[in-house]
Each structure stands twice: as C-alpha cells, then as structure tokens.
C-alpha cells in the first residue's frame, strides 16, 4: 500500500471530467479513488469513505501508473 498518486493539473482535470460526466458508474468510482489519493488521503481513508478494499485501490493505482487516465475505462 505504498504506491502514491501524484496528479498534474491535466490529469486532475481529466479525472474530474470522468468523475462528473462519464456514463459508466464504475469509471466514475475509479476516478473518485484516484482523485482522493491525489488529494493526499490515505488508502485506509479511501477504503472507508468508498466502501472498497485495498485490493481495489491497488488495482486502479497500478493501472493508472501503467496506462494513465485512459486505463480507467477497461
């Protein structure tokens, strides 16, 4: 659980757009995870707030690092 997410302004805006406008609720959920982590919240806090597991967070953080914002769709 040591992977962190650092977002530049472009990535943050792209995630906010996905969070606010994407038709797929799962994509919005993934964007929400990354936005919270990017704002400095801990994995434990994100798990508590979004009722998800650390495995879920790990999966999407890894995908984000590998594929960027576009990786949230798959």
Protein backbone atom coordinates (compact mmCIF):
# COMPACT_ATOMS: atom_id res chain seq x y z
CA UNK A 1 0.00 0.00 0.00
CA UNK A 2 2.89 2.37 -0.51
CA UNK A 3 2.01 3.43 -4.05
CA UNK A 4 1.02 7.04 -4.12
CA UNK A 5 -0.74 9.06 -6.77
CA UNK A 6 0.58 12.42 -7.84
CA UNK A 7 -1.60 14.27 -10.31
CA UNK A 8 -0.60 17.13 -12.54
CA UNK A 9 -3.23 19.72 -13.48
CA UNK A 10 -4.07 17.98 -16.77
CA UNK A 11 -4.54 14.57 -15.14
CA UNK A 12 -6.61 16.04 -12.32
CA UNK A 13 -8.90 17.79 -14.79
CA UNK A 14 -9.26 14.62 -16.88
CA UNK A 15 -10.18 12.64 -13.76
CA UNK A 16 -12.66 15.30 -12.67
CA UNK A 17 -14.26 15.16 -16.11
CA UNK A 18 -14.53 11.37 -15.86
CA UNK A 19 -15.90 11.62 -12.32
CA UNK A 20 -18.54 14.19 -13.26
CA UNK A 21 -19.55 13.16 -16.76
CA UNK A 22 -18.78 9.53 -17.58
CA UNK A 23 -21.85 7.39 -18.17
CA UNK A 24 -20.27 4.31 -16.57
CA UNK A 25 -20.59 4.43 -12.76
CA UNK A 26 -17.56 2.13 -12.40
CA UNK A 27 -15.36 4.60 -14.27
CA UNK A 28 -16.66 7.41 -12.05
CA UNK A 29 -15.82 5.27 -8.99
CA UNK A 30 -12.27 4.62 -10.25
CA UNK A 31 -11.74 8.31 -10.91
CA UNK A 32 -13.01 9.09 -7.40
CA UNK A 33 -10.43 6.73 -5.89
CA UNK A 34 -7.60 8.41 -7.76
CA UNK A 35 -8.82 11.93 -7.02
CA UNK A 36 -8.95 11.21 -3.29
CA UNK A 37 -5.48 9.68 -3.32
CA UNK A 38 -4.20 12.59 -5.39
CA UNK A 39 -5.53 14.96 -2.74
CA UNK A 40 -3.41 13.19 -0.13
CA UNK A 41 -5.94 10.89 1.52
CA UNK A 42 -4.59 7.60 2.79
CA UNK A 43 -5.58 4.22 1.41
CA UNK A 44 -7.35 3.45 4.69
CA UNK A 45 -9.40 6.63 4.44
CA UNK A 46 -10.34 5.94 0.83
CA UNK A 47 -11.35 2.36 1.74
CA UNK A 48 -13.56 3.70 4.50
CA UNK A 49 -15.12 6.52 2.50
CA UNK A 50 -15.83 4.49 -0.64
CA UNK A 51 -16.54 1.12 0.97
CA UNK A 52 -13.93 -0.67 -1.11
CA UNK A 53 -10.97 -2.92 -0.44
CA UNK A 54 -7.28 -2.14 -0.61
CA UNK A 55 -7.07 -4.65 -3.48
CA UNK A 56 -9.44 -2.48 -5.48
CA UNK A 57 -7.34 0.60 -4.81
CA UNK A 58 -4.15 -1.27 -5.68
CA UNK A 59 -5.62 -2.49 -8.97
CA UNK A 60 -6.59 1.00 -10.13
CA UNK A 61 -3.45 2.72 -8.90
CA UNK A 62 -1.35 0.20 -10.82
CA UNK A 63 -3.50 0.63 -13.92
CA UNK A 64 -3.28 4.42 -13.64
CA UNK A 65 0.53 4.28 -13.38
CA UNK A 66 0.72 1.94 -16.37
CA UNK A 67 -1.90 3.47 -18.67
CA UNK A 68 -2.86 6.88 -17.31
CA UNK A 69 -6.43 8.17 -17.19
CA UNK A 70 -7.35 6.16 -20.29
CA UNK A 71 -6.76 2.95 -18.29
CA UNK A 72 -9.84 3.60 -16.15
CA UNK A 73 -12.20 2.61 -18.95
CA UNK A 74 -11.15 -1.03 -19.20
